[in-house]
Amino acid sequence: MNTAGDPILKIEGLATYFETARGTVRAVDGVDLSVCPGETVGIVGESGCGKTVLALSILRLVPPPGRIAAGRIVFGGRDLLALPEEEMRRIRGREISMIFQEPMTSLNPVFRVGDQVAEVLEVHEGLPRRKALERVVEVFRLVGIPSPETRIRDYPHQLSGGLRQRVMIAMALCLKPRLMLADEPTTALDVTIQAQILDLIERLKEETGTSVLLVTHDLGVVAEAAQFVAVMYAGIVVEYGLARDVFASPHHPYTVGLLASVPRGRGAVGGRLPAIAGMVPSLDDLPAGCRFSGRCPDVMEICRREEPAVTKPAPGRSVRCWKFS
């Protein structure tokens, strides 16, 4: 989708399904997406739209009973879905890293944080523990952790939420990956720490040349940190484009609804924000036609019968909506 140079990551027709007793859950259902060197691409949408499953699919870490049913994930000229598991293990962390949401559950509570980051260097670069810990101190200093020589001996519960998130970023960056997947990196952090984390990711991206795929439900985070945005709904990308263009002139009614629900200024006392009616449909029982038709204020008869194809209403923009077909 992007046009600024050859993509470092190109996803084509990706489908990731979960087989359950109720039926097939189509968590990711035919996604096309690309990330070019030095870019940050935001993936935004409500919970349950498939954002995290998309990120896990890139690393081939979809938990059972999930499976990647179709598509290609081309990274650096290699289709990751065709690689043997041994080669994928070398790529994870070294070339593609991931910042998982909820660092308190991602970090092992019984090991010191320095040892956990050092293990990445021991496994991928074969460094002895002492050398690895010296590198960890350097990386902790790079991501703004104060007194890193002391902090490497702390356990996760001894750190604040903001510091735990910085440890996760240090772990993701210690091998200088070409692509970083950030899954809700500012969740549960107060706005001040959230801004610091976003600034840190942007600064490190500029210093290391790492590209970023930023998964979030927060449109404000995307507006601040991403150059491009893909809006996901019920397993598919319904709108894509430059973040500034999408936010200034949203095309898909779902994007319009998301943006309308964002607080702007203090507003009237006691006023209520507009909300999108209804719920995201169950991914094992998707409606006929457009997946947003049951919630769309602009629904037409054809929307209930046929799923719209991807159209390009302007250069660099794409949308799945009958209004633009």
C-alpha atoms as a PDB file:
ATOM      1  CA  MET A   1       0.000   0.000   0.000  1.00  0.00           C
ATOM      2  CA  ASN A   2       2.798   2.417   0.804  1.00  0.00           C
ATOM      3  CA  THR A   3       4.735   3.985  -2.023  1.00  0.00           C
ATOM      4  CA  ALA A   4       7.836   5.420  -0.353  1.00  0.00           C
ATOM      5  CA  GLY A   5      10.450   2.904  -1.486  1.00  0.00           C
ATOM      6  CA  ASP A   6      10.415  -0.876  -1.347  1.00  0.00           C
ATOM      7  CA  PRO A   7       8.524  -2.231   1.684  1.00  0.00           C
ATOM      8  CA  ILE A   8      10.495  -3.997   4.384  1.00  0.00           C
ATOM      9  CA  LEU A   9       7.282  -5.886   5.204  1.00  0.00           C
ATOM     10  CA  LYS A  10       4.533  -6.779   2.739  1.00  0.00           C
ATOM     11  CA  ILE A  11       1.452  -8.698   3.833  1.00  0.00           C
ATOM     12  CA  GLU A  12      -0.752 -10.131   1.098  1.00  0.00           C
ATOM     13  CA  GLY A  13      -4.124 -11.783   1.653  1.00  0.00           C
ATOM     14  CA  LEU A  14      -3.317 -12.851   5.210  1.00  0.00           C
ATOM     15  CA  ALA A  15      -5.969 -15.029   6.844  1.00  0.00           C
ATOM     16  CA  THR A  16      -5.636 -16.324  10.409  1.00  0.00           C
ATOM     17  CA  TYR A  17      -8.448 -18.510  11.723  1.00  0.00           C
ATOM     18  CA  PHE A  18      -9.286 -20.190  15.024  1.00  0.00           C
ATOM     19  CA  GLU A  19     -11.229 -23.465  14.958  1.00  0.00           C
ATOM     20  CA  THR A  20     -13.627 -23.573  17.920  1.00  0.00           C
ATOM     21  CA  ALA A  21     -16.634 -25.592  19.019  1.00  0.00           C
ATOM     22  CA  ARG A  22     -18.877 -22.780  17.761  1.00  0.00           C
ATOM     23  CA  GLY A  23     -17.226 -22.649  14.347  1.00  0.00           C
ATOM     24  CA  THR A  24     -14.359 -20.944  12.545  1.00  0.00           C
ATOM     25  CA  VAL A  25     -13.337 -17.585  14.007  1.00  0.00           C
ATOM     26  CA  ARG A  26     -11.954 -15.454  11.164  1.00  0.00           C
ATOM     27  CA  ALA A  27      -9.749 -13.214  13.306  1.00  0.00           C
ATOM     28  CA  VAL A  28      -7.748 -11.912  10.333  1.00  0.00           C
ATOM     29  CA  ASP A  29      -9.513 -12.401   7.035  1.00  0.00           C
ATOM     30  CA  GLY A  30      -7.640 -11.259   3.941  1.00  0.00           C
ATOM     31  CA  VAL A  31      -5.421  -8.377   5.080  1.00  0.00           C
ATOM     32  CA  ASP A  32      -3.051  -6.540   2.730  1.00  0.00           C
ATOM     33  CA  LEU A  33      -0.558  -4.173   4.341  1.00  0.00           C
ATOM     34  CA  SER A  34       2.991  -2.910   3.905  1.00  0.00           C
ATOM     35  CA  VAL A  35       5.604  -1.103   5.979  1.00  0.00           C
ATOM     36  CA  CYS A  36       8.507   0.757   4.371  1.00  0.00           C
ATOM     37  CA  PRO A  37      11.900   1.424   5.989  1.00  0.00           C
ATOM     38  CA  GLY A  38      11.771   4.119   8.649  1.00  0.00           C
ATOM     39  CA  GLU A  39       7.964   4.264   8.713  1.00  0.00           C
ATOM     40  CA  THR A  40       5.507   3.869  11.551  1.00  0.00           C
ATOM     41  CA  VAL A  41       2.221   2.303  10.464  1.00  0.00           C
ATOM     42  CA  GLY A  42      -0.620   2.357  12.992  1.00  0.00           C
ATOM     43  CA  ILE A  43      -3.210  -0.428  13.209  1.00  0.00           C
ATOM     44  CA  VAL A  44      -6.306   0.898  14.950  1.00  0.00           C
ATOM     45  CA  GLY A  45      -9.744  -0.474  15.821  1.00  0.00           C
ATOM     46  CA  GLU A  46     -11.930  -1.683  18.662  1.00  0.00           C
ATOM     47  CA  SER A  47     -11.010  -4.679  20.798  1.00  0.00           C
ATOM     48  CA  GLY A  48     -11.737  -7.907  18.945  1.00  0.00           C
ATOM     49  CA  CYS A  49     -11.045  -6.528  15.475  1.00  0.00           C
ATOM     50  CA  GLY A  50      -7.945  -8.704  14.904  1.00  0.00           C
ATOM     51  CA  LYS A  51      -5.126  -6.223  15.537  1.00  0.00           C
ATOM     52  CA  THR A  52      -3.084  -8.327  17.971  1.00  0.00           C
ATOM     53  CA  VAL A  53      -3.658 -11.531  15.977  1.00  0.00           C
ATOM     54  CA  LEU A  54      -2.274  -9.728  12.921  1.00  0.00           C
ATOM     55  CA  ALA A  55       0.915  -8.836  14.827  1.00  0.00           C
ATOM     56  CA  LEU A  56       1.295 -12.367  16.213  1.00  0.00           C
ATOM     57  CA  SER A  57       0.787 -13.796  12.724  1.00  0.00           C
ATOM     58  CA  ILE A  58       3.788 -11.841  11.443  1.00  0.00           C
ATOM     59  CA  LEU A  59       5.994 -13.632  13.985  1.00  0.00           C
ATOM     60  CA  ARG A  60       4.149 -16.941  13.524  1.00  0.00           C
ATOM     61  CA  LEU A  61       3.254 -16.930  17.206  1.00  0.00           C
ATOM     62  CA  VAL A  62      -0.498 -17.465  16.857  1.00  0.00           C
ATOM     63  CA  PRO A  63      -1.555 -19.645  19.808  1.00  0.00           C
ATOM     64  CA  PRO A  64      -3.535 -22.855  19.183  1.00  0.00           C
ATOM     65  CA  PRO A  65      -6.179 -23.510  18.014  1.00  0.00           C
ATOM     66  CA  GLY A  66      -5.238 -20.632  15.712  1.00  0.00           C
ATOM     67  CA  ARG A  67      -3.663 -21.210  12.318  1.00  0.00           C
ATOM     68  CA  ILE A  68      -2.531 -19.084   9.419  1.00  0.00           C
ATOM     69  CA  ALA A  69      -4.866 -20.296   6.699  1.00  0.00           C
ATOM     70  CA  ALA A  70      -3.743 -18.243   3.699  1.00  0.00           C
ATOM     71  CA  GLY A  71      -1.599 -15.398   2.459  1.00  0.00           C
ATOM     72  CA  ARG A  72       2.019 -14.291   2.313  1.00  0.00           C
ATOM     73  CA  ILE A  73       4.145 -12.305   4.777  1.00  0.00           C
ATOM     74  CA  VAL A  74       7.198 -11.096   2.875  1.00  0.00           C
ATOM     75  CA  PHE A  75       9.968  -9.632   5.040  1.00  0.00           C
ATOM     76  CA  GLY A  76      13.265  -8.617   3.481  1.00  0.00           C
ATOM     77  CA  GLY A  77      12.402 -10.606   0.361  1.00  0.00           C
ATOM     78  CA  ARG A  78      11.554 -13.815   2.283  1.00  0.00           C
ATOM     79  CA  ASP A  79       8.091 -15.263   2.763  1.00  0.00           C
ATOM     80  CA  LEU A  80       8.005 -15.863   6.510  1.00  0.00           C
ATOM     81  CA  LEU A  81       5.216 -18.403   6.149  1.00  0.00           C
ATOM     82  CA  ALA A  82       7.437 -20.616   3.997  1.00  0.00           C
ATOM     83  CA  LEU A  83      10.464 -20.625   6.323  1.00  0.00           C
ATOM     84  CA  PRO A  84      11.329 -23.562   8.605  1.00  0.00           C
ATOM     85  CA  GLU A  85      10.745 -22.931  12.298  1.00  0.00           C
ATOM     86  CA  GLU A  86      14.486 -22.893  13.047  1.00  0.00           C
ATOM     87  CA  GLU A  87      14.998 -19.947  10.713  1.00  0.00           C
ATOM     88  CA  MET A  88      11.964 -18.150  12.172  1.00  0.00           C
ATOM     89  CA  ARG A  89      13.510 -18.447  15.633  1.00  0.00           C
ATOM     90  CA  ARG A  90      16.572 -16.607  14.338  1.00  0.00           C
ATOM     91  CA  ILE A  91      14.389 -13.853  12.889  1.00  0.00           C
ATOM     92  CA  ARG A  92      12.326 -13.341  16.051  1.00  0.00           C
ATOM     93  CA  GLY A  93      14.050 -10.795  18.236  1.00  0.00           C
ATOM     94  CA  ARG A  94      17.035 -10.316  15.929  1.00  0.00           C
ATOM     95  CA  GLU A  95      15.242  -8.952  12.845  1.00  0.00           C
ATOM     96  CA  ILE A  96      11.651  -8.550  14.048  1.00  0.00           C
ATOM     97  CA  SER A  97      10.936  -7.809  17.683  1.00  0.00           C
ATOM     98  CA  MET A  98       7.723  -7.265  19.587  1.00  0.00           C
ATOM     99  CA  ILE A  99       6.712  -5.121  22.528  1.00  0.00           C
ATOM    100  CA  PHE A 100       3.874  -7.039  24.126  1.00  0.00           C
ATOM    101  CA  GLN A 101       1.070  -5.262  25.971  1.00  0.00           C
ATOM    102  CA  GLU A 102       0.945  -5.552  29.751  1.00  0.00           C
ATOM    103  CA  PRO A 103       4.665  -5.752  30.635  1.00  0.00           C
ATOM    104  CA  MET A 104       3.849  -7.047  34.134  1.00  0.00           C
ATOM    105  CA  THR A 105       2.537 -10.260  32.583  1.00  0.00           C
ATOM    106  CA  SER A 106       5.160 -10.391  29.812  1.00  0.00           C
ATOM    107  CA  LEU A 107       8.118 -10.167  32.199  1.00  0.00           C
ATOM    108  CA  ASN A 108       8.892 -13.193  34.381  1.00  0.00           C
ATOM    109  CA  PRO A 109       8.284 -12.112  38.000  1.00  0.00           C
ATOM    110  CA  VAL A 110      10.950 -14.428  39.492  1.00  0.00           C
ATOM    111  CA  PHE A 111      13.917 -13.235  37.383  1.00  0.00           C
ATOM    112  CA  ARG A 112      15.753  -9.929  37.501  1.00  0.00           C
ATOM    113  CA  VAL A 113      14.912  -7.671  34.560  1.00  0.00           C
ATOM    114  CA  GLY A 114      18.578  -7.388  33.565  1.00  0.00           C
ATOM    115  CA  ASP A 115      18.900 -11.157  33.308  1.00  0.00           C
ATOM    116  CA  GLN A 116      15.760 -11.375  31.184  1.00  0.00           C
ATOM    117  CA  VAL A 117      17.080  -8.868  28.637  1.00  0.00           C
ATOM    118  CA  ALA A 118      20.577 -10.415  28.780  1.00  0.00           C
ATOM    119  CA  GLU A 119      19.124 -13.790  27.834  1.00  0.00           C
ATOM    120  CA  VAL A 120      18.101 -12.349  24.445  1.00  0.00           C
ATOM    121  CA  LEU A 121      21.728 -11.387  23.777  1.00  0.00           C
ATOM    122  CA  GLU A 122      23.026 -14.750  25.001  1.00  0.00           C
ATOM    123  CA  VAL A 123      20.672 -16.708  22.742  1.00  0.00           C
ATOM    124  CA  HIS A 124      21.016 -14.637  19.577  1.00  0.00           C
ATOM    125  CA  GLU A 125      24.607 -13.357  19.804  1.00  0.00           C
ATOM    126  CA  GLY A 126      26.241 -15.977  22.017  1.00  0.00           C
ATOM    127  CA  LEU A 127      27.522 -13.396  24.497  1.00  0.00           C
ATOM    128  CA  PRO A 128      28.666 -14.591  27.911  1.00  0.00           C
ATOM    129  CA  ARG A 129      26.469 -13.389  30.781  1.00  0.00           C
ATOM    130  CA  ARG A 130      28.894 -10.663  31.965  1.00  0.00           C
ATOM    131  CA  LYS A 131      29.227  -9.122  28.497  1.00  0.00           C
ATOM    132  CA  ALA A 132      25.490  -9.399  27.941  1.00  0.00           C
ATOM    133  CA  LEU A 133      24.745  -7.531  31.163  1.00  0.00           C
ATOM    134  CA  GLU A 134      27.170  -4.774  30.142  1.00  0.00           C
ATOM    135  CA  ARG A 135      25.176  -4.405  26.915  1.00  0.00           C
ATOM    136  CA  VAL A 136      21.935  -4.384  28.889  1.00  0.00           C
ATOM    137  CA  VAL A 137      23.202  -1.458  30.969  1.00  0.00           C
ATOM    138  CA  GLU A 138      23.929   0.420  27.737  1.00  0.00           C
ATOM    139  CA  VAL A 139      20.479  -0.303  26.316  1.00  0.00           C
ATOM    140  CA  PHE A 140      18.755   0.613  29.608  1.00  0.00           C
ATOM    141  CA  ARG A 141      20.583   3.917  29.499  1.00  0.00           C
ATOM    142  CA  LEU A 142      19.510   4.393  25.868  1.00  0.00           C
ATOM    143  CA  VAL A 143      15.819   3.958  26.709  1.00  0.00           C
ATOM    144  CA  GLY A 144      16.018   6.359  29.639  1.00  0.00           C
ATOM    145  CA  ILE A 145      16.037   3.999  32.627  1.00  0.00           C
ATOM    146  CA  PRO A 146      17.781   5.862  35.479  1.00  0.00           C
ATOM    147  CA  SER A 147      20.690   4.218  37.323  1.00  0.00           C
ATOM    148  CA  PRO A 148      20.781   1.279  34.903  1.00  0.00           C
ATOM    149  CA  GLU A 149      23.669  -0.414  36.756  1.00  0.00           C
ATOM    150  CA  THR A 150      21.318  -0.759  39.731  1.00  0.00           C
ATOM    151  CA  ARG A 151      18.069  -1.343  37.865  1.00  0.00           C
ATOM    152  CA  ILE A 152      19.345  -4.468  36.100  1.00  0.00           C
ATOM    153  CA  ARG A 153      19.205  -6.190  39.505  1.00  0.00           C
ATOM    154  CA  ASP A 154      15.550  -5.268  40.125  1.00  0.00           C
ATOM    155  CA  TYR A 155      12.606  -7.621  39.776  1.00  0.00           C
ATOM    156  CA  PRO A 156       9.591  -6.517  37.705  1.00  0.00           C
ATOM    157  CA  HIS A 157       7.439  -5.737  40.752  1.00  0.00           C
ATOM    158  CA  GLN A 158      10.061  -3.254  41.950  1.00  0.00           C
ATOM    159  CA  LEU A 159       9.601  -1.068  38.856  1.00  0.00           C
ATOM    160  CA  SER A 160       6.850   1.368  37.966  1.00  0.00           C
ATOM    161  CA  GLY A 161       4.616   0.703  34.967  1.00  0.00           C
ATOM    162  CA  GLY A 162       6.563   3.198  32.881  1.00  0.00           C
ATOM    163  CA  LEU A 163       9.914   1.604  33.748  1.00  0.00           C
ATOM    164  CA  ARG A 164       8.586  -1.890  33.026  1.00  0.00           C
ATOM    165  CA  GLN A 165       7.495  -0.688  29.607  1.00  0.00           C
ATOM    166  CA  ARG A 166      10.972   0.760  29.020  1.00  0.00           C
ATOM    167  CA  VAL A 167      12.443  -2.643  29.911  1.00  0.00           C
ATOM    168  CA  MET A 168      10.192  -4.218  27.271  1.00  0.00           C
ATOM    169  CA  ILE A 169      11.349  -1.636  24.717  1.00  0.00           C
ATOM    170  CA  ALA A 170      14.980  -2.314  25.688  1.00  0.00           C
ATOM    171  CA  MET A 171      14.401  -6.037  25.172  1.00  0.00           C
ATOM    172  CA  ALA A 172      12.840  -5.351  21.766  1.00  0.00           C
ATOM    173  CA  LEU A 173      15.669  -3.046  20.664  1.00  0.00           C
ATOM    174  CA  CYS A 174      18.760  -4.720  22.095  1.00  0.00           C
ATOM    175  CA  LEU A 175      19.458  -6.588  18.834  1.00  0.00           C
ATOM    176  CA  LYS A 176      18.680  -3.535  16.651  1.00  0.00           C
ATOM    177  CA  PRO A 177      15.835  -5.181  14.708  1.00  0.00           C
ATOM    178  CA  ARG A 178      14.715  -3.924  11.314  1.00  0.00           C
ATOM    179  CA  LEU A 179      11.049  -4.057  12.340  1.00  0.00           C
ATOM    180  CA  MET A 180       9.426  -3.578  15.736  1.00  0.00           C
ATOM    181  CA  LEU A 181       5.845  -4.650  16.464  1.00  0.00           C
ATOM    182  CA  ALA A 182       4.399  -2.579  19.313  1.00  0.00           C
ATOM    183  CA  ASP A 183       1.171  -4.024  20.712  1.00  0.00           C
ATOM    184  CA  GLU A 184      -0.610  -1.375  22.811  1.00  0.00           C
ATOM    185  CA  PRO A 185       2.716  -0.072  24.189  1.00  0.00           C
ATOM    186  CA  THR A 186       1.054   2.684  26.242  1.00  0.00           C
ATOM    187  CA  THR A 187      -1.893   0.749  27.704  1.00  0.00           C
ATOM    188  CA  ALA A 188      -2.511   1.378  31.425  1.00  0.00           C
ATOM    189  CA  LEU A 189       0.045   4.199  31.564  1.00  0.00           C
ATOM    190  CA  ASP A 190      -0.911   7.711  32.618  1.00  0.00           C
ATOM    191  CA  VAL A 191      -0.832  10.386  29.904  1.00  0.00           C
ATOM    192  CA  THR A 192       2.531  11.813  30.958  1.00  0.00           C
ATOM    193  CA  ILE A 193       4.301   8.442  30.849  1.00  0.00           C
ATOM    194  CA  GLN A 194       2.401   7.588  27.664  1.00  0.00           C
ATOM    195  CA  ALA A 195       3.837  10.673  25.949  1.00  0.00           C
ATOM    196  CA  GLN A 196       7.333   9.791  27.173  1.00  0.00           C
ATOM    197  CA  ILE A 197       7.069   6.247  25.781  1.00  0.00           C
ATOM    198  CA  LEU A 198       5.848   7.492  22.384  1.00  0.00           C
ATOM    199  CA  ASP A 199       8.648  10.063  22.237  1.00  0.00           C
ATOM    200  CA  LEU A 200      11.126   7.346  23.158  1.00  0.00           C
ATOM    201  CA  ILE A 201       9.927   5.005  20.393  1.00  0.00           C
ATOM    202  CA  GLU A 202      10.134   7.826  17.842  1.00  0.00           C
ATOM    203  CA  ARG A 203      13.627   8.848  18.947  1.00  0.00           C
ATOM    204  CA  LEU A 204      14.912   5.289  18.927  1.00  0.00           C
ATOM    205  CA  LYS A 205      13.342   4.710  15.524  1.00  0.00           C
ATOM    206  CA  GLU A 206      15.255   7.693  14.133  1.00  0.00           C
ATOM    207  CA  GLU A 207      18.523   6.619  15.773  1.00  0.00           C
ATOM    208  CA  THR A 208      18.370   2.950  14.798  1.00  0.00           C
ATOM    209  CA  GLY A 209      16.396   3.084  11.524  1.00  0.00           C
ATOM    210  CA  THR A 210      13.876   0.576  12.858  1.00  0.00           C
ATOM    211  CA  SER A 211      10.421   0.499  11.251  1.00  0.00           C
ATOM    212  CA  VAL A 212       7.408   0.225  13.554  1.00  0.00           C
ATOM    213  CA  LEU A 213       4.011  -1.448  13.282  1.00  0.00           C
ATOM    214  CA  LEU A 214       1.997   0.172  16.082  1.00  0.00           C
ATOM    215  CA  VAL A 215      -1.099  -1.698  17.292  1.00  0.00           C
ATOM    216  CA  THR A 216      -3.495   0.385  19.373  1.00  0.00           C
ATOM    217  CA  HIS A 217      -7.130   1.253  20.021  1.00  0.00           C
ATOM    218  CA  ASP A 218      -6.124   4.856  20.782  1.00  0.00           C
ATOM    219  CA  LEU A 219      -6.503   7.236  17.839  1.00  0.00           C
ATOM    220  CA  GLY A 220      -4.548   9.897  19.725  1.00  0.00           C
ATOM    221  CA  VAL A 221      -1.525   7.579  19.864  1.00  0.00           C
ATOM    222  CA  VAL A 222      -1.767   6.964  16.114  1.00  0.00           C
ATOM    223  CA  ALA A 223      -2.111  10.684  15.381  1.00  0.00           C
ATOM    224  CA  GLU A 224       1.036  11.421  17.378  1.00  0.00           C
ATOM    225  CA  ALA A 225       3.257   8.509  16.378  1.00  0.00           C
ATOM    226  CA  ALA A 226       2.253   7.090  12.967  1.00  0.00           C
ATOM    227  CA  GLN A 227       2.700   8.317   9.411  1.00  0.00           C
ATOM    228  CA  PHE A 228       0.193   5.809   8.004  1.00  0.00           C
ATOM    229  CA  VAL A 229      -2.896   4.244   9.546  1.00  0.00           C
ATOM    230  CA  ALA A 230      -4.871   1.083   8.787  1.00  0.00           C
ATOM    231  CA  VAL A 231      -8.338   0.915  10.363  1.00  0.00           C
ATOM    232  CA  MET A 232      -9.363  -2.675  11.155  1.00  0.00           C
ATOM    233  CA  TYR A 233     -12.891  -3.902  11.680  1.00  0.00           C
ATOM    234  CA  ALA A 234     -14.018  -7.519  12.146  1.00  0.00           C
ATOM    235  CA  GLY A 235     -10.796  -8.996  10.781  1.00  0.00           C
ATOM    236  CA  ILE A 236     -10.306  -6.774   7.720  1.00  0.00           C
ATOM    237  CA  VAL A 237      -8.764  -3.398   6.916  1.00  0.00           C
ATOM    238  CA  VAL A 238     -11.657  -1.068   6.053  1.00  0.00           C
ATOM    239  CA  GLU A 239      -9.592   2.093   5.470  1.00  0.00           C
ATOM    240  CA  TYR A 240      -5.952   2.937   4.887  1.00  0.00           C
ATOM    241  CA  GLY A 241      -3.910   6.036   4.123  1.00  0.00           C
ATOM    242  CA  LEU A 242      -1.654   8.744   5.450  1.00  0.00           C
ATOM    243  CA  ALA A 243      -2.706   9.343   9.044  1.00  0.00           C
ATOM    244  CA  ARG A 244      -3.143  13.078   8.494  1.00  0.00           C
ATOM    245  CA  ASP A 245      -5.385  12.451   5.450  1.00  0.00           C
ATOM    246  CA  VAL A 246      -7.506   9.794   7.135  1.00  0.00           C
ATOM    247  CA  PHE A 247      -8.014  11.919  10.235  1.00  0.00           C
ATOM    248  CA  ALA A 248      -8.774  15.076   8.224  1.00  0.00           C
ATOM    249  CA  SER A 249     -11.160  13.368   5.800  1.00  0.00           C
ATOM    250  CA  PRO A 250     -12.266   9.865   6.895  1.00  0.00           C
ATOM    251  CA  HIS A 251     -14.084   7.870   4.222  1.00  0.00           C
ATOM    252  CA  HIS A 252     -15.410   4.711   5.890  1.00  0.00           C
ATOM    253  CA  PRO A 253     -18.377   5.248   8.262  1.00  0.00           C
ATOM    254  CA  TYR A 254     -16.560   3.189  10.897  1.00  0.00           C
ATOM    255  CA  THR A 255     -13.564   5.537  10.787  1.00  0.00           C
ATOM    256  CA  VAL A 256     -15.955   8.500  10.969  1.00  0.00           C
ATOM    257  CA  GLY A 257     -17.548   6.988  14.069  1.00  0.00           C
ATOM    258  CA  LEU A 258     -14.213   6.286  15.752  1.00  0.00           C
ATOM    259  CA  LEU A 259     -13.022   9.845  15.203  1.00  0.00           C
ATOM    260  CA  ALA A 260     -16.326  11.300  16.405  1.00  0.00           C
ATOM    261  CA  SER A 261     -15.917   9.439  19.706  1.00  0.00           C
ATOM    262  CA  VAL A 262     -12.580  11.115  20.485  1.00  0.00           C
ATOM    263  CA  PRO A 263     -12.869  13.937  23.067  1.00  0.00           C
ATOM    264  CA  ARG A 264     -12.010  17.350  21.638  1.00  0.00           C
ATOM    265  CA  GLY A 265     -11.287  19.965  24.266  1.00  0.00           C
ATOM    266  CA  ARG A 266     -13.256  20.221  27.467  1.00  0.00           C
ATOM    267  CA  GLY A 267     -16.647  20.416  25.762  1.00  0.00           C
ATOM    268  CA  ALA A 268     -19.883  21.056  27.533  1.00  0.00           C
ATOM    269  CA  VAL A 269     -20.171  20.029  31.153  1.00  0.00           C
ATOM    270  CA  GLY A 270     -22.168  16.832  31.368  1.00  0.00           C
ATOM    271  CA  GLY A 271     -22.105  16.346  27.590  1.00  0.00           C
ATOM    272  CA  ARG A 272     -21.847  12.851  26.132  1.00  0.00           C
ATOM    273  CA  LEU A 273     -19.552  11.756  23.351  1.00  0.00           C
ATOM    274  CA  PRO A 274     -21.104  10.190  20.246  1.00  0.00           C
ATOM    275  CA  ALA A 275     -20.838   6.394  20.239  1.00  0.00           C
ATOM    276  CA  ILE A 276     -21.029   3.806  17.479  1.00  0.00           C
ATOM    277  CA  ALA A 277     -24.249   1.862  17.950  1.00  0.00           C
ATOM    278  CA  GLY A 278     -24.110  -1.895  18.507  1.00  0.00           C
ATOM    279  CA  MET A 279     -21.154  -4.227  18.883  1.00  0.00           C
ATOM    280  CA  VAL A 280     -18.444  -5.730  16.707  1.00  0.00           C
ATOM    281  CA  PRO A 281     -20.006  -8.869  15.172  1.00  0.00           C
ATOM    282  CA  SER A 282     -18.863 -12.261  16.367  1.00  0.00           C
ATOM    283  CA  LEU A 283     -16.028 -13.394  14.117  1.00  0.00           C
ATOM    284  CA  ASP A 284     -17.494 -16.882  13.909  1.00  0.00           C
ATOM    285  CA  ASP A 285     -20.857 -15.553  12.673  1.00  0.00           C
ATOM    286  CA  LEU A 286     -20.163 -12.614  10.390  1.00  0.00           C
ATOM    287  CA  PRO A 287     -23.119 -10.905   8.690  1.00  0.00           C
ATOM    288  CA  ALA A 288     -23.725 -11.145   4.965  1.00  0.00           C
ATOM    289  CA  GLY A 289     -22.511  -8.205   2.922  1.00  0.00           C
ATOM    290  CA  CYS A 290     -20.537  -5.427   4.597  1.00  0.00           C
ATOM    291  CA  ARG A 291     -19.376  -6.392   8.078  1.00  0.00           C
ATOM    292  CA  PHE A 292     -20.252  -2.929   9.386  1.00  0.00           C
ATOM    293  CA  SER A 293     -23.757  -2.862   7.888  1.00  0.00           C
ATOM    294  CA  GLY A 294     -25.507  -3.645  11.184  1.00  0.00           C
ATOM    295  CA  ARG A 295     -24.008  -0.552  12.841  1.00  0.00           C
ATOM    296  CA  CYS A 296     -23.660   1.825   9.889  1.00  0.00           C
ATOM    297  CA  PRO A 297     -25.747   5.023   9.817  1.00  0.00           C
ATOM    298  CA  ASP A 298     -25.347   5.187   6.008  1.00  0.00           C
ATOM    299  CA  VAL A 299     -26.321   1.579   5.252  1.00  0.00           C
ATOM    300  CA  MET A 300     -27.832   0.838   1.824  1.00  0.00           C
ATOM    301  CA  GLU A 301     -29.604  -2.259   0.578  1.00  0.00           C
ATOM    302  CA  ILE A 302     -26.543  -3.528  -1.290  1.00  0.00           C
ATOM    303  CA  CYS A 303     -24.514  -3.290   1.931  1.00  0.00           C
ATOM    304  CA  ARG A 304     -26.603  -6.079   3.454  1.00  0.00           C
ATOM    305  CA  ARG A 305     -26.172  -8.363   0.428  1.00  0.00           C
ATOM    306  CA  GLU A 306     -22.620  -7.982  -0.877  1.00  0.00           C
ATOM    307  CA  GLU A 307     -19.269  -7.299   0.750  1.00  0.00           C
ATOM    308  CA  PRO A 308     -17.602  -4.259  -0.834  1.00  0.00           C
ATOM    309  CA  ALA A 309     -14.262  -4.640  -2.568  1.00  0.00           C
ATOM    310  CA  VAL A 310     -11.240  -2.454  -1.847  1.00  0.00           C
ATOM    311  CA  THR A 311     -11.384   0.791  -3.834  1.00  0.00           C
ATOM    312  CA  LYS A 312      -8.917   3.676  -4.078  1.00  0.00           C
ATOM    313  CA  PRO A 313     -10.766   7.003  -3.949  1.00  0.00           C
ATOM    314  CA  ALA A 314      -7.521   8.988  -3.970  1.00  0.00           C
ATOM    315  CA  PRO A 315      -3.783   8.292  -4.390  1.00  0.00           C
ATOM    316  CA  GLY A 316      -2.454   6.461  -1.327  1.00  0.00           C
ATOM    317  CA  ARG A 317      -5.968   5.909   0.074  1.00  0.00           C
ATOM    318  CA  SER A 318      -8.044   2.735   0.125  1.00  0.00           C
ATOM    319  CA  VAL A 319     -11.466   1.960   1.562  1.00  0.00           C
ATOM    320  CA  ARG A 320     -13.951  -0.926   1.682  1.00  0.00           C
ATOM    321  CA  CYS A 321     -17.302   0.837   1.358  1.00  0.00           C
ATOM    322  CA  TRP A 322     -20.094   0.811  -1.233  1.00  0.00           C
ATOM    323  CA  LYS A 323     -20.267   4.617  -1.045  1.00  0.00           C
ATOM    324  CA  PHE A 324     -16.912   4.716  -2.837  1.00  0.00           C
ATOM    325  CA  SER A 325     -17.392   1.743  -5.187  1.00  0.00           C
END
